[in-house]
Protein backbone atom coordinates (compact mmCIF):
# COMPACT_ATOMS: atom_id res chain seq x y z
CA MET A 1 0.00 0.00 0.00
CA SER A 2 1.32 3.47 -0.84
CA ASP A 3 2.52 5.43 2.16
CA ASP A 4 0.10 8.29 1.43
CA VAL A 5 -3.09 6.21 1.03
CA PRO A 6 -5.19 5.94 4.21
CA ALA A 7 -6.10 2.53 5.59
CA PRO A 8 -9.70 1.49 4.84
CA PHE A 9 -12.31 2.31 7.49
CA ASP A 10 -13.38 -0.86 9.31
CA GLY A 11 -16.56 0.50 10.84
CA VAL A 12 -15.09 0.86 14.34
CA ALA A 13 -15.23 4.24 16.04
CA GLU A 14 -11.91 6.01 16.18
CA GLY A 15 -10.07 5.35 19.43
CA PRO A 16 -7.25 7.17 21.20
CA ALA A 17 -4.58 8.78 19.06
CA PRO A 18 -1.72 6.39 18.18
CA HIS A 19 1.27 6.53 20.53
CA TYR A 20 3.52 8.09 17.89
CA HIS A 21 1.38 11.25 17.72
CA GLY A 22 2.72 12.32 21.10
CA HIS A 23 6.27 11.51 19.97
CA ARG A 24 5.84 13.67 16.89
CA GLN A 25 4.57 16.57 18.94
CA ARG A 26 7.46 16.32 21.39
CA LEU A 27 10.05 16.07 18.60
CA ARG A 28 8.61 19.08 16.79
CA ALA A 29 8.55 21.06 20.04
CA ARG A 30 12.22 20.24 20.68
CA PHE A 31 13.10 21.20 17.11
CA ARG A 32 11.40 24.58 17.50
CA ARG A 33 12.82 25.20 20.95
CA ALA A 34 16.43 24.04 20.55
CA GLY A 35 16.93 23.95 16.78
CA ALA A 36 18.03 21.22 14.39
CA ALA A 37 21.43 20.82 16.10
CA ALA A 38 19.67 19.33 19.14
CA LEU A 39 18.30 16.41 17.11
CA GLU A 40 20.01 13.13 16.33
CA ASP A 41 20.42 12.15 12.68
CA TYR A 42 17.54 9.69 12.78
CA GLU A 43 15.32 12.34 14.38
CA LEU A 44 16.01 14.76 11.53
CA LEU A 45 15.00 12.02 9.13
CA GLU A 46 11.84 11.51 11.15
CA MET A 47 11.02 15.20 10.70
CA LEU A 48 11.38 14.80 6.95
CA LEU A 49 9.18 11.72 6.91
CA PHE A 50 6.35 13.08 9.06
CA ALA A 51 4.50 14.79 6.21
CA ALA A 52 5.15 12.01 3.69
CA ILE A 53 3.98 9.26 6.06
CA PRO A 54 1.31 10.83 8.29
CA ARG A 55 -0.24 7.65 9.68
CA ARG A 56 2.67 5.53 10.84
CA ASP A 57 5.46 5.53 13.40
CA VAL A 58 8.47 6.54 11.30
CA LYS A 59 11.18 6.22 13.97
CA PRO A 60 12.00 2.58 13.01
CA LEU A 61 12.12 3.59 9.35
CA ALA A 62 14.42 6.55 10.06
CA LYS A 63 16.77 4.30 12.03
CA ALA A 64 16.69 1.72 9.23
CA LEU A 65 17.73 4.40 6.73
CA ILE A 66 20.63 5.45 8.95
CA ALA A 67 21.77 1.84 9.31
CA ARG A 68 21.37 1.06 5.61
CA PHE A 69 23.21 4.12 4.27
CA GLY A 70 25.67 4.83 7.06
CA GLY A 71 24.23 8.11 8.30
CA TYR A 72 22.05 11.11 7.50
CA ALA A 73 24.16 12.29 4.57
CA GLY A 74 24.22 8.80 3.10
CA ALA A 75 20.44 8.48 3.31
CA LEU A 76 19.90 11.80 1.56
CA SER A 77 22.50 10.96 -1.09
CA ALA A 78 20.99 7.59 -2.00
CA GLY A 79 19.33 7.17 -5.37
CA ARG A 80 15.70 6.32 -5.99
CA SER A 81 16.40 2.66 -6.73
CA GLU A 82 18.43 2.27 -3.53
CA LEU A 83 15.76 3.94 -1.42
CA ALA A 84 13.10 1.72 -2.97
CA GLU A 85 14.91 -1.29 -1.50
CA VAL A 86 14.21 -0.07 2.04
CA GLU A 87 11.16 -1.90 3.36
CA GLY A 88 8.31 0.43 4.25
CA LEU A 89 9.59 3.40 2.25
CA GLY A 90 6.99 4.29 -0.39
CA GLU A 91 7.16 6.59 -3.41
CA THR A 92 5.90 9.67 -1.57
CA ALA A 93 8.58 9.37 1.11
CA ILE A 94 11.26 8.71 -1.50
CA ASP A 95 10.16 11.84 -3.38
CA ALA A 96 10.46 13.84 -0.16
CA LEU A 97 14.02 12.67 0.53
CA LEU A 98 15.15 13.28 -3.04
CA ALA A 99 13.60 16.75 -3.00
CA VAL A 100 15.47 17.65 0.20
CA ARG A 101 18.77 16.52 -1.33
CA GLU A 102 18.15 18.58 -4.47
CA ALA A 103 17.24 21.59 -2.33
CA ALA A 104 20.56 21.27 -0.49
CA VAL A 105 22.49 21.08 -3.78
CA ARG A 106 20.69 24.11 -5.21
CA LEU A 107 21.30 26.10 -2.04
CA ALA A 108 25.01 25.30 -2.24
CA ARG A 109 25.05 26.21 -5.95
CA ALA A 110 23.39 29.56 -5.21
CA GLU A 111 26.24 30.38 -2.84
CA ILE A 112 28.74 30.34 -5.72
CA ALA A 113 26.62 31.81 -8.51
CA GLU A 114 27.68 35.16 -9.95
CA LYS A 115 30.68 35.45 -7.61
CA PRO A 116 34.40 34.97 -8.26
CA VAL A 117 34.79 31.24 -7.66
CA LEU A 118 38.41 31.40 -6.54
CA SER A 119 37.59 33.79 -3.70
CA GLY A 120 34.87 31.47 -2.41
CA TRP A 121 36.74 28.20 -2.66
CA GLU A 122 35.27 26.58 0.44
CA LYS A 123 31.73 27.26 -0.73
CA LEU A 124 32.62 25.70 -4.07
CA MET A 125 33.92 22.60 -2.29
CA ASP A 126 30.72 22.44 -0.22
CA TYR A 127 28.70 22.44 -3.43
CA LEU A 128 30.81 19.77 -5.11
CA MET A 129 30.78 17.57 -2.02
CA ALA A 130 27.00 17.87 -1.71
CA ASP A 131 26.44 16.99 -5.35
CA MET A 132 29.15 14.43 -6.15
CA ALA A 133 30.86 12.96 -3.11
CA ARG A 134 28.55 9.96 -2.73
CA ALA A 135 27.83 9.23 -6.38
CA LYS A 136 28.11 5.53 -7.20
CA GLN A 137 29.60 6.13 -10.66
CA GLU A 138 32.53 8.29 -11.65
CA HIS A 139 31.58 11.62 -13.20
CA PHE A 140 33.92 14.13 -14.84
CA ARG A 141 32.63 17.66 -14.39
CA LEU A 142 33.62 20.98 -15.92
CA LEU A 143 33.12 24.38 -14.30
CA PHE A 144 33.47 27.10 -16.94
CA LEU A 145 34.52 30.58 -15.79
CA ASP A 146 34.53 34.03 -17.38
CA LYS A 147 37.34 36.60 -17.29
CA LYS A 148 36.36 37.57 -13.74
CA ASN A 149 36.37 33.91 -12.63
CA ARG A 150 32.61 33.84 -12.23
CA LEU A 151 30.83 30.62 -12.99
CA ILE A 152 29.11 30.77 -16.38
CA HIS A 153 28.31 27.09 -16.86
CA ASP A 154 28.52 23.86 -14.88
CA GLU A 155 28.10 20.48 -16.51
CA VAL A 156 28.86 16.80 -16.10
CA HIS A 157 31.03 16.27 -19.17
CA GLN A 158 31.30 12.48 -18.97
CA SER A 159 29.95 9.68 -16.80
CA GLY A 160 31.34 6.19 -16.58
CA THR A 161 31.75 3.17 -14.37
CA VAL A 162 32.65 2.93 -10.71
CA ASP A 163 36.27 3.80 -11.47
CA HIS A 164 36.49 5.42 -14.90
CA ALA A 165 34.89 8.24 -16.90
CA PRO A 166 36.50 8.73 -20.35
CA VAL A 167 37.61 12.28 -21.11
CA TYR A 168 39.07 13.68 -24.33
CA PRO A 169 41.05 16.95 -24.24
CA ARG A 170 39.78 18.04 -27.67
CA GLU A 171 36.17 17.76 -26.46
CA VAL A 172 36.94 19.84 -23.38
CA ALA A 173 38.58 22.47 -25.60
CA LYS A 174 35.56 22.45 -27.92
CA ARG A 175 33.16 23.14 -25.03
CA CYS A 176 35.34 25.98 -23.76
CA LEU A 177 35.19 27.64 -27.18
CA GLU A 178 31.43 27.11 -27.47
CA LEU A 179 30.85 28.75 -24.08
CA HIS A 180 33.48 31.50 -24.54
CA ALA A 181 35.11 30.41 -21.29
CA SER A 182 38.32 32.05 -20.11
CA ALA A 183 39.12 29.41 -17.53
CA VAL A 184 37.93 26.04 -16.31
CA ILE A 185 38.03 23.93 -13.16
CA LEU A 186 38.11 20.18 -13.68
CA VAL A 187 36.31 18.00 -11.15
CA HIS A 188 35.71 14.31 -10.82
CA ASN A 189 34.66 11.97 -8.05
CA HIS A 190 36.09 8.72 -6.73
CA PRO A 191 33.20 6.44 -5.66
CA SER A 192 35.66 4.51 -3.48
CA GLY A 193 35.93 7.57 -1.25
CA ASP A 194 39.73 7.74 -1.59
CA THR A 195 40.62 11.03 -3.31
CA THR A 196 44.26 10.16 -4.02
CA PRO A 197 44.99 11.05 -7.68
CA SER A 198 45.93 8.12 -9.90
CA ARG A 199 48.65 8.22 -12.55
CA ALA A 200 45.89 8.36 -15.17
CA ASP A 201 44.26 11.31 -13.37
CA ILE A 202 47.53 13.24 -13.43
CA ASP A 203 48.24 12.43 -17.07
CA ILE A 204 44.81 13.49 -18.37
CA THR A 205 45.01 16.71 -16.35
CA ARG A 206 48.30 17.63 -17.99
CA GLU A 207 46.94 16.75 -21.43
CA ILE A 208 43.86 18.94 -20.92
CA ASP A 209 46.01 21.77 -19.55
CA LYS A 210 48.21 21.62 -22.66
CA ALA A 211 45.21 21.56 -25.02
CA LEU A 212 43.54 24.50 -23.33
CA LYS A 213 46.66 26.62 -23.19
CA ALA A 214 46.75 26.36 -26.99
CA ILE A 215 43.40 28.17 -27.17
CA GLY A 216 44.08 30.65 -24.36
CA VAL A 217 41.98 28.98 -21.64
CA ALA A 218 43.43 28.51 -18.17
CA VAL A 219 42.97 25.38 -16.05
CA HIS A 220 42.72 26.73 -12.52
CA ASP A 221 42.59 23.35 -10.81
CA HIS A 222 41.51 19.74 -10.93
CA VAL A 223 39.65 18.57 -7.85
CA ILE A 224 38.80 15.02 -6.83
CA VAL A 225 35.91 14.63 -4.40
CA GLY A 226 34.83 11.62 -2.38
CA ARG A 227 33.10 10.68 0.85
CA LYS A 228 36.35 11.26 2.77
CA GLY A 229 36.99 14.77 1.47
CA HIS A 230 38.57 16.39 -1.55
CA THR A 231 42.02 16.78 -3.14
CA SER A 232 43.30 19.75 -5.16
CA PHE A 233 45.85 19.01 -7.88
CA LYS A 234 47.02 22.63 -7.76
CA ALA A 235 47.66 22.47 -4.02
CA LYS A 236 49.70 19.31 -4.52
CA GLY A 237 51.67 20.77 -7.44
CA LEU A 238 50.55 18.02 -9.82
CA PHE A 239 50.31 20.23 -12.92
């Protein structure tokens, strides 16, 4: 049964409110009084699930999500197919969790829009971590910048397997010319979580840097993101 379809009426007069109603009221009161920081991860998930699942105790479901995905961030980063595998989580609740994740990504993106990216590096890393760190496949992303280092376009250039996304320097150069970009930041994720650059990562970075220099476009950095953090090629002197 869908999580937003009421149970059929059985002809019996409605009795006392279910026990979880009082729990919901107390949790909401604590949220309003002390703020989100006062809640455990599973309690924050409960808050998200309240509206999507109005007629069921969602504490066990919230705890199951934490256990299944390793924490609050993992639960919100999971894909639709993964969430659908969690028993008791219907389409309406899945929609709610995916919408919250997208809202977080868009909020982070708004923090870097129309501002010099290099002067707001930490906010850029927050955005990339929110959007890519827990992806199950490797994605190679390009951030195109104008002469003032403001973001003019952001795209996933290639997607691949769990450990490889093919990238061709000539295609990167072509996109830079199409978008009239003056500079670019290369980004890709490591689904393993380990952000240590591989030999292949270093080689392709140098090839792209060489190709873009030929058309007057600067490569400001190449960043690898993963669940454990992020690594800057520029900071490590790798190109």
